[in-house]
Amino acid sequence: MRATLAVAATWYIIDQATKWWILNHLMNPPAAIGLTPFFNIVLGWNTGVSFGLFGGLGVPAWIFVAFAIAMSAALLVWLGRANVPFVRVAIGLIVGGALGNATDRLRRGAVPDFWIFISGIGTGRPSTWPTSGSSAEHLC
């Protein structure tokens, strides 16, 4: 359990440090930074949940914060039953990311997102995935 909490704390620190650096240095002032034909860095603000779902509906940030805390608590209960090391690490990453996003919602009212992937290169019909941030990248 201690190792999983260390993973969660480490991921939380990485998440917050990455967002701080991007907001205060890389995106100051905000700009689109093309790194490859299929990957860019742009600044977006997520007031919803995954990929902006429920964003713009006026749902108060505290509801998402309460949900993140409740889900983190449920995952920590599951952690007590998890015997597979991979599952323990995954739980730590998810909890760290969820608490990082909860912190963002409390401090800023939204979660800063900055990665954007572009698909369909060379097809004449490129499309983009919604922006995401460091807390979501542990799931990939």
N, C-alpha and C. Protein backbone atom coordinates (compact mmCIF):
# COMPACT_ATOMS: atom_id res chain seq x y z
N MET A 1 0.83 -1.19 0.00
CA MET A 1 0.00 0.00 0.00
C MET A 1 0.87 1.26 0.00
N ARG A 2 1.94 1.22 0.78
CA ARG A 2 2.82 2.39 0.86
C ARG A 2 3.45 2.73 -0.49
N ALA A 3 3.84 1.69 -1.22
CA ALA A 3 4.44 1.93 -2.54
C ALA A 3 3.43 2.56 -3.49
N THR A 4 2.18 2.12 -3.43
CA THR A 4 1.14 2.70 -4.30
C THR A 4 0.88 4.15 -3.93
N LEU A 5 0.86 4.45 -2.67
CA LEU A 5 0.68 5.84 -2.24
C LEU A 5 1.86 6.69 -2.69
N ALA A 6 3.05 6.11 -2.71
CA ALA A 6 4.23 6.83 -3.21
C ALA A 6 4.09 7.09 -4.71
N VAL A 7 3.56 6.11 -5.45
CA VAL A 7 3.32 6.31 -6.89
C VAL A 7 2.30 7.43 -7.08
N ALA A 8 1.21 7.42 -6.31
CA ALA A 8 0.18 8.45 -6.41
C ALA A 8 0.76 9.83 -6.10
N ALA A 9 1.54 9.92 -5.04
CA ALA A 9 2.13 11.21 -4.66
C ALA A 9 3.13 11.69 -5.72
N THR A 10 3.92 10.77 -6.26
CA THR A 10 4.89 11.14 -7.29
C THR A 10 4.17 11.62 -8.54
N TRP A 11 3.12 10.91 -8.95
CA TRP A 11 2.39 11.32 -10.15
C TRP A 11 1.69 12.66 -9.93
N TYR A 12 1.16 12.88 -8.74
CA TYR A 12 0.52 14.15 -8.41
C TYR A 12 1.53 15.30 -8.56
N ILE A 13 2.73 15.10 -8.03
CA ILE A 13 3.77 16.14 -8.12
C ILE A 13 4.17 16.38 -9.57
N ILE A 14 4.36 15.31 -10.34
CA ILE A 14 4.71 15.46 -11.76
C ILE A 14 3.60 16.19 -12.50
N ASP A 15 2.36 15.83 -12.24
CA ASP A 15 1.20 16.47 -12.88
C ASP A 15 1.17 17.97 -12.58
N GLN A 16 1.29 18.33 -11.33
CA GLN A 16 1.22 19.74 -10.95
C GLN A 16 2.44 20.52 -11.45
N ALA A 17 3.61 19.92 -11.39
CA ALA A 17 4.82 20.60 -11.87
C ALA A 17 4.77 20.82 -13.38
N THR A 18 4.29 19.81 -14.12
CA THR A 18 4.18 19.94 -15.57
C THR A 18 3.21 21.05 -15.94
N LYS A 19 2.06 21.07 -15.29
CA LYS A 19 1.07 22.10 -15.59
C LYS A 19 1.59 23.49 -15.20
N TRP A 20 2.28 23.58 -14.09
CA TRP A 20 2.84 24.87 -13.66
C TRP A 20 3.83 25.37 -14.71
N TRP A 21 4.74 24.50 -15.17
CA TRP A 21 5.75 24.90 -16.14
C TRP A 21 5.11 25.32 -17.46
N ILE A 22 4.16 24.52 -17.92
CA ILE A 22 3.52 24.85 -19.20
C ILE A 22 2.75 26.16 -19.11
N LEU A 23 1.99 26.35 -18.02
CA LEU A 23 1.19 27.57 -17.89
C LEU A 23 2.05 28.81 -17.69
N ASN A 24 3.13 28.70 -16.92
CA ASN A 24 3.93 29.86 -16.57
C ASN A 24 5.10 30.14 -17.51
N HIS A 25 5.48 29.17 -18.32
CA HIS A 25 6.62 29.37 -19.20
C HIS A 25 6.29 29.09 -20.66
N LEU A 26 5.90 27.87 -20.96
CA LEU A 26 5.69 27.49 -22.36
C LEU A 26 4.49 28.20 -22.99
N MET A 27 3.42 28.36 -22.25
CA MET A 27 2.20 28.97 -22.78
C MET A 27 1.99 30.38 -22.24
N ASN A 28 3.07 31.09 -22.04
CA ASN A 28 2.97 32.46 -21.56
C ASN A 28 3.72 33.37 -22.52
N PRO A 29 3.04 33.92 -23.52
CA PRO A 29 1.61 33.90 -23.82
C PRO A 29 1.21 32.61 -24.52
N PRO A 30 -0.11 32.26 -24.46
CA PRO A 30 -0.58 31.04 -25.12
C PRO A 30 -0.30 31.04 -26.62
N ALA A 31 0.10 29.89 -27.14
CA ALA A 31 0.39 29.74 -28.56
C ALA A 31 0.26 28.27 -28.93
N ALA A 32 0.04 28.00 -30.19
CA ALA A 32 0.05 26.63 -30.68
C ALA A 32 1.47 26.28 -31.09
N ILE A 33 1.97 25.18 -30.57
CA ILE A 33 3.34 24.76 -30.86
C ILE A 33 3.27 23.42 -31.58
N GLY A 34 3.61 23.43 -32.85
CA GLY A 34 3.61 22.21 -33.65
C GLY A 34 4.90 21.45 -33.47
N LEU A 35 4.82 20.27 -32.91
CA LEU A 35 6.02 19.46 -32.70
C LEU A 35 6.24 18.46 -33.83
N THR A 36 5.16 17.85 -34.29
CA THR A 36 5.21 16.91 -35.41
C THR A 36 3.94 17.14 -36.24
N PRO A 37 3.82 16.49 -37.39
CA PRO A 37 2.57 16.64 -38.15
C PRO A 37 1.35 16.07 -37.41
N PHE A 38 1.58 15.21 -36.41
CA PHE A 38 0.46 14.58 -35.72
C PHE A 38 0.35 14.93 -34.23
N PHE A 39 1.23 15.79 -33.72
CA PHE A 39 1.23 16.10 -32.30
C PHE A 39 1.61 17.57 -32.08
N ASN A 40 0.74 18.30 -31.39
CA ASN A 40 0.98 19.71 -31.07
C ASN A 40 0.74 19.96 -29.60
N ILE A 41 1.27 21.08 -29.14
CA ILE A 41 0.96 21.56 -27.79
C ILE A 41 0.14 22.82 -27.94
N VAL A 42 -1.03 22.81 -27.35
CA VAL A 42 -1.93 23.97 -27.33
C VAL A 42 -2.52 24.05 -25.93
N LEU A 43 -2.99 25.20 -25.54
CA LEU A 43 -3.59 25.37 -24.22
C LEU A 43 -5.10 25.32 -24.35
N GLY A 44 -5.70 24.45 -23.57
CA GLY A 44 -7.16 24.37 -23.49
C GLY A 44 -7.55 24.24 -22.03
N TRP A 45 -8.78 24.60 -21.72
CA TRP A 45 -9.28 24.51 -20.34
C TRP A 45 -10.48 23.58 -20.34
N ASN A 46 -10.39 22.53 -19.56
CA ASN A 46 -11.44 21.52 -19.48
C ASN A 46 -12.30 21.78 -18.25
N THR A 47 -13.54 22.22 -18.46
CA THR A 47 -14.47 22.42 -17.35
C THR A 47 -15.36 21.21 -17.16
N GLY A 48 -15.19 20.19 -18.01
CA GLY A 48 -15.98 18.97 -17.90
C GLY A 48 -15.13 17.83 -17.36
N VAL A 49 -15.46 16.63 -17.82
CA VAL A 49 -14.69 15.45 -17.43
C VAL A 49 -13.91 14.98 -18.65
N SER A 50 -13.70 13.71 -18.81
CA SER A 50 -12.89 13.17 -19.90
C SER A 50 -13.27 13.77 -21.25
N PHE A 51 -12.27 14.31 -21.94
CA PHE A 51 -12.44 14.91 -23.26
C PHE A 51 -13.47 16.04 -23.26
N GLY A 52 -13.66 16.70 -22.13
CA GLY A 52 -14.57 17.83 -22.05
C GLY A 52 -16.04 17.47 -21.89
N LEU A 53 -16.35 16.19 -21.69
CA LEU A 53 -17.73 15.76 -21.52
C LEU A 53 -18.38 16.53 -20.37
N PHE A 54 -19.54 17.04 -20.57
CA PHE A 54 -20.31 17.86 -19.62
C PHE A 54 -19.73 19.26 -19.43
N GLY A 55 -18.70 19.62 -20.19
CA GLY A 55 -18.15 20.97 -20.12
C GLY A 55 -19.12 21.97 -20.72
N GLY A 56 -19.14 23.15 -20.20
CA GLY A 56 -20.00 24.19 -20.72
C GLY A 56 -21.45 24.06 -20.28
N LEU A 57 -21.77 23.10 -19.43
CA LEU A 57 -23.14 22.93 -18.96
C LEU A 57 -23.39 23.67 -17.64
N GLY A 58 -22.35 24.31 -17.13
CA GLY A 58 -22.51 25.05 -15.89
C GLY A 58 -22.44 24.19 -14.64
N VAL A 59 -21.91 22.97 -14.77
CA VAL A 59 -21.76 22.11 -13.60
C VAL A 59 -20.66 22.70 -12.72
N PRO A 60 -20.95 22.97 -11.44
CA PRO A 60 -19.94 23.57 -10.57
C PRO A 60 -18.71 22.67 -10.42
N ALA A 61 -17.54 23.29 -10.36
CA ALA A 61 -16.28 22.55 -10.26
C ALA A 61 -16.26 21.66 -9.02
N TRP A 62 -16.89 22.08 -7.94
CA TRP A 62 -16.84 21.30 -6.69
C TRP A 62 -17.49 19.93 -6.85
N ILE A 63 -18.44 19.80 -7.78
CA ILE A 63 -19.06 18.49 -8.01
C ILE A 63 -18.03 17.52 -8.59
N PHE A 64 -17.23 18.00 -9.54
CA PHE A 64 -16.18 17.15 -10.11
C PHE A 64 -15.08 16.86 -9.07
N VAL A 65 -14.81 17.83 -8.22
CA VAL A 65 -13.82 17.62 -7.14
C VAL A 65 -14.33 16.53 -6.20
N ALA A 66 -15.57 16.63 -5.77
CA ALA A 66 -16.15 15.63 -4.87
C ALA A 66 -16.14 14.25 -5.51
N PHE A 67 -16.46 14.18 -6.80
CA PHE A 67 -16.44 12.91 -7.52
C PHE A 67 -15.03 12.33 -7.56
N ALA A 68 -14.03 13.17 -7.85
CA ALA A 68 -12.64 12.70 -7.91
C ALA A 68 -12.18 12.17 -6.56
N ILE A 69 -12.56 12.84 -5.49
CA ILE A 69 -12.18 12.39 -4.15
C ILE A 69 -12.88 11.07 -3.81
N ALA A 70 -14.17 10.97 -4.13
CA ALA A 70 -14.91 9.74 -3.86
C ALA A 70 -14.34 8.56 -4.65
N MET A 71 -14.03 8.79 -5.92
CA MET A 71 -13.46 7.72 -6.74
C MET A 71 -12.06 7.33 -6.26
N SER A 72 -11.29 8.31 -5.82
CA SER A 72 -9.96 8.01 -5.28
C SER A 72 -10.08 7.17 -4.02
N ALA A 73 -11.03 7.51 -3.17
CA ALA A 73 -11.26 6.71 -1.95
C ALA A 73 -11.68 5.29 -2.31
N ALA A 74 -12.56 5.14 -3.29
CA ALA A 74 -13.00 3.80 -3.71
C ALA A 74 -11.82 3.00 -4.27
N LEU A 75 -10.96 3.66 -5.04
CA LEU A 75 -9.79 2.97 -5.59
C LEU A 75 -8.83 2.54 -4.48
N LEU A 76 -8.71 3.36 -3.44
CA LEU A 76 -7.83 2.99 -2.33
C LEU A 76 -8.40 1.81 -1.55
N VAL A 77 -9.72 1.70 -1.48
CA VAL A 77 -10.33 0.51 -0.88
C VAL A 77 -10.00 -0.71 -1.73
N TRP A 78 -10.12 -0.56 -3.05
CA TRP A 78 -9.78 -1.65 -3.96
C TRP A 78 -8.31 -2.03 -3.82
N LEU A 79 -7.48 -1.03 -3.59
CA LEU A 79 -6.05 -1.26 -3.43
C LEU A 79 -5.78 -2.27 -2.32
N GLY A 80 -6.56 -2.20 -1.26
CA GLY A 80 -6.39 -3.15 -0.15
C GLY A 80 -6.61 -4.59 -0.57
N ARG A 81 -7.34 -4.80 -1.66
CA ARG A 81 -7.62 -6.16 -2.14
C ARG A 81 -6.77 -6.55 -3.34
N ALA A 82 -6.05 -5.60 -3.92
CA ALA A 82 -5.27 -5.86 -5.13
C ALA A 82 -3.97 -6.59 -4.79
N ASN A 83 -3.75 -7.70 -5.47
CA ASN A 83 -2.55 -8.49 -5.23
C ASN A 83 -1.53 -8.37 -6.35
N VAL A 84 -1.96 -7.85 -7.51
CA VAL A 84 -1.10 -7.79 -8.68
C VAL A 84 -0.36 -6.44 -8.67
N PRO A 85 0.97 -6.45 -8.74
CA PRO A 85 1.73 -5.20 -8.70
C PRO A 85 1.32 -4.20 -9.79
N PHE A 86 1.02 -4.70 -10.99
CA PHE A 86 0.61 -3.82 -12.08
C PHE A 86 -0.66 -3.05 -11.70
N VAL A 87 -1.60 -3.72 -11.07
CA VAL A 87 -2.86 -3.08 -10.65
C VAL A 87 -2.58 -2.03 -9.59
N ARG A 88 -1.69 -2.33 -8.68
CA ARG A 88 -1.35 -1.36 -7.62
C ARG A 88 -0.73 -0.09 -8.21
N VAL A 89 0.16 -0.26 -9.19
CA VAL A 89 0.76 0.91 -9.84
C VAL A 89 -0.31 1.69 -10.60
N ALA A 90 -1.18 0.99 -11.32
CA ALA A 90 -2.25 1.65 -12.08
C ALA A 90 -3.15 2.46 -11.14
N ILE A 91 -3.50 1.89 -10.00
CA ILE A 91 -4.33 2.60 -9.03
C ILE A 91 -3.61 3.85 -8.55
N GLY A 92 -2.33 3.74 -8.27
CA GLY A 92 -1.55 4.91 -7.83
C GLY A 92 -1.54 6.01 -8.88
N LEU A 93 -1.37 5.65 -10.15
CA LEU A 93 -1.36 6.64 -11.22
C LEU A 93 -2.72 7.32 -11.37
N ILE A 94 -3.78 6.53 -11.30
CA ILE A 94 -5.12 7.10 -11.45
C ILE A 94 -5.44 8.03 -10.28
N VAL A 95 -5.14 7.60 -9.06
CA VAL A 95 -5.41 8.44 -7.89
C VAL A 95 -4.60 9.73 -7.95
N GLY A 96 -3.32 9.64 -8.31
CA GLY A 96 -2.49 10.84 -8.42
C GLY A 96 -3.03 11.81 -9.46
N GLY A 97 -3.46 11.30 -10.61
CA GLY A 97 -4.03 12.14 -11.66
C GLY A 97 -5.36 12.74 -11.25
N ALA A 98 -6.21 11.94 -10.61
CA ALA A 98 -7.53 12.44 -10.18
C ALA A 98 -7.37 13.56 -9.15
N LEU A 99 -6.46 13.38 -8.22
CA LEU A 99 -6.25 14.42 -7.20
C LEU A 99 -5.58 15.66 -7.80
N GLY A 100 -4.72 15.46 -8.81
CA GLY A 100 -4.14 16.60 -9.52
C GLY A 100 -5.21 17.41 -10.22
N ASN A 101 -6.14 16.73 -10.88
CA ASN A 101 -7.23 17.45 -11.54
C ASN A 101 -8.16 18.12 -10.53
N ALA A 102 -8.39 17.47 -9.41
CA ALA A 102 -9.22 18.08 -8.36
C ALA A 102 -8.56 19.37 -7.85
N THR A 103 -7.25 19.32 -7.68
CA THR A 103 -6.51 20.53 -7.26
C THR A 103 -6.68 21.64 -8.28
N ASP A 104 -6.56 21.30 -9.56
CA ASP A 104 -6.73 22.31 -10.62
C ASP A 104 -8.12 22.93 -10.58
N ARG A 105 -9.13 22.10 -10.39
CA ARG A 105 -10.50 22.62 -10.35
C ARG A 105 -10.72 23.54 -9.16
N LEU A 106 -10.10 23.21 -8.04
CA LEU A 106 -10.22 24.07 -6.86
C LEU A 106 -9.48 25.39 -7.06
N ARG A 107 -8.30 25.33 -7.65
CA ARG A 107 -7.47 26.53 -7.83
C ARG A 107 -7.89 27.39 -9.01
N ARG A 108 -8.30 26.74 -10.11
CA ARG A 108 -8.54 27.48 -11.36
C ARG A 108 -9.96 27.35 -11.90
N GLY A 109 -10.75 26.44 -11.35
CA GLY A 109 -12.10 26.22 -11.85
C GLY A 109 -12.16 25.31 -13.06
N ALA A 110 -11.01 24.89 -13.56
CA ALA A 110 -10.93 24.02 -14.74
C ALA A 110 -9.56 23.34 -14.75
N VAL A 111 -9.43 22.33 -15.58
CA VAL A 111 -8.16 21.61 -15.71
C VAL A 111 -7.47 22.07 -16.99
N PRO A 112 -6.22 22.53 -16.87
CA PRO A 112 -5.50 22.91 -18.09
C PRO A 112 -5.07 21.66 -18.87
N ASP A 113 -5.39 21.65 -20.14
CA ASP A 113 -4.98 20.56 -21.04
C ASP A 113 -4.09 21.15 -22.12
N PHE A 114 -3.16 20.36 -22.63
CA PHE A 114 -2.19 20.94 -23.56
C PHE A 114 -1.69 20.01 -24.63
N TRP A 115 -1.97 18.72 -24.60
CA TRP A 115 -1.55 17.83 -25.69
C TRP A 115 -2.68 17.72 -26.69
N ILE A 116 -2.37 17.72 -27.97
CA ILE A 116 -3.40 17.47 -28.98
C ILE A 116 -2.80 16.59 -30.07
N PHE A 117 -3.51 15.52 -30.39
CA PHE A 117 -3.08 14.59 -31.43
C PHE A 117 -3.96 14.75 -32.65
N ILE A 118 -3.34 14.64 -33.82
CA ILE A 118 -4.03 14.82 -35.09
C ILE A 118 -3.98 13.51 -35.85
N SER A 119 -5.13 13.05 -36.30
CA SER A 119 -5.17 11.81 -37.08
C SER A 119 -5.60 12.12 -38.51
N GLY A 120 -5.44 11.17 -39.38
CA GLY A 120 -5.84 11.35 -40.77
C GLY A 120 -4.85 12.15 -41.58
N ILE A 121 -3.59 12.22 -41.15
CA ILE A 121 -2.57 12.95 -41.88
C ILE A 121 -2.42 12.31 -43.27
N GLY A 122 -2.39 13.14 -44.29
CA GLY A 122 -2.21 12.65 -45.65
C GLY A 122 -3.47 12.16 -46.32
N THR A 123 -4.59 12.19 -45.60
CA THR A 123 -5.84 11.71 -46.18
C THR A 123 -6.67 12.84 -46.77
N GLY A 124 -6.26 14.07 -46.50
CA GLY A 124 -7.05 15.21 -46.93
C GLY A 124 -8.18 15.53 -45.97
N ARG A 125 -8.33 14.71 -44.92
CA ARG A 125 -9.38 14.91 -43.93
C ARG A 125 -8.82 14.74 -42.52
N PRO A 126 -7.86 15.59 -42.13
CA PRO A 126 -7.32 15.44 -40.79
C PRO A 126 -8.35 15.80 -39.72
N SER A 127 -8.26 15.14 -38.59
CA SER A 127 -9.12 15.45 -37.46
C SER A 127 -8.26 15.41 -36.20
N THR A 128 -8.74 16.04 -35.15
CA THR A 128 -7.97 16.09 -33.91
C THR A 128 -8.72 15.41 -32.79
N TRP A 129 -7.96 14.85 -31.86
CA TRP A 129 -8.52 14.37 -30.61
C TRP A 129 -8.66 15.59 -29.71
N PRO A 130 -9.56 15.54 -28.74
CA PRO A 130 -9.62 16.65 -27.78
C PRO A 130 -8.29 16.76 -27.03
N THR A 131 -7.98 17.96 -26.57
CA THR A 131 -6.75 18.13 -25.82
C THR A 131 -6.81 17.34 -24.52
N SER A 132 -5.66 16.96 -24.03
CA SER A 132 -5.58 16.27 -22.75
C SER A 132 -4.34 16.76 -22.04
N GLY A 133 -4.21 16.39 -20.78
CA GLY A 133 -3.09 16.85 -19.98
C GLY A 133 -2.32 15.70 -19.38
N SER A 134 -1.34 16.02 -18.57
CA SER A 134 -0.44 15.00 -18.03
C SER A 134 -1.16 14.01 -17.14
N SER A 135 -2.21 14.41 -16.45
CA SER A 135 -2.89 13.47 -15.56
C SER A 135 -3.59 12.37 -16.34
N ALA A 136 -3.95 12.62 -17.59
CA ALA A 136 -4.61 11.60 -18.40
C ALA A 136 -3.61 10.69 -19.09
N GLU A 137 -2.39 11.12 -19.25
CA GLU A 137 -1.43 10.37 -20.05
C GLU A 137 -1.00 9.07 -19.40
N HIS A 138 -1.17 8.91 -18.10
CA HIS A 138 -0.79 7.65 -17.47
C HIS A 138 -1.69 6.51 -17.89
N LEU A 139 -2.85 6.81 -18.48
CA LEU A 139 -3.75 5.76 -18.93
C LEU A 139 -3.35 5.20 -20.28
N CYS A 140 -2.50 5.91 -21.03
CA CYS A 140 -2.13 5.45 -22.38
C CYS A 140 -1.06 4.39 -22.33
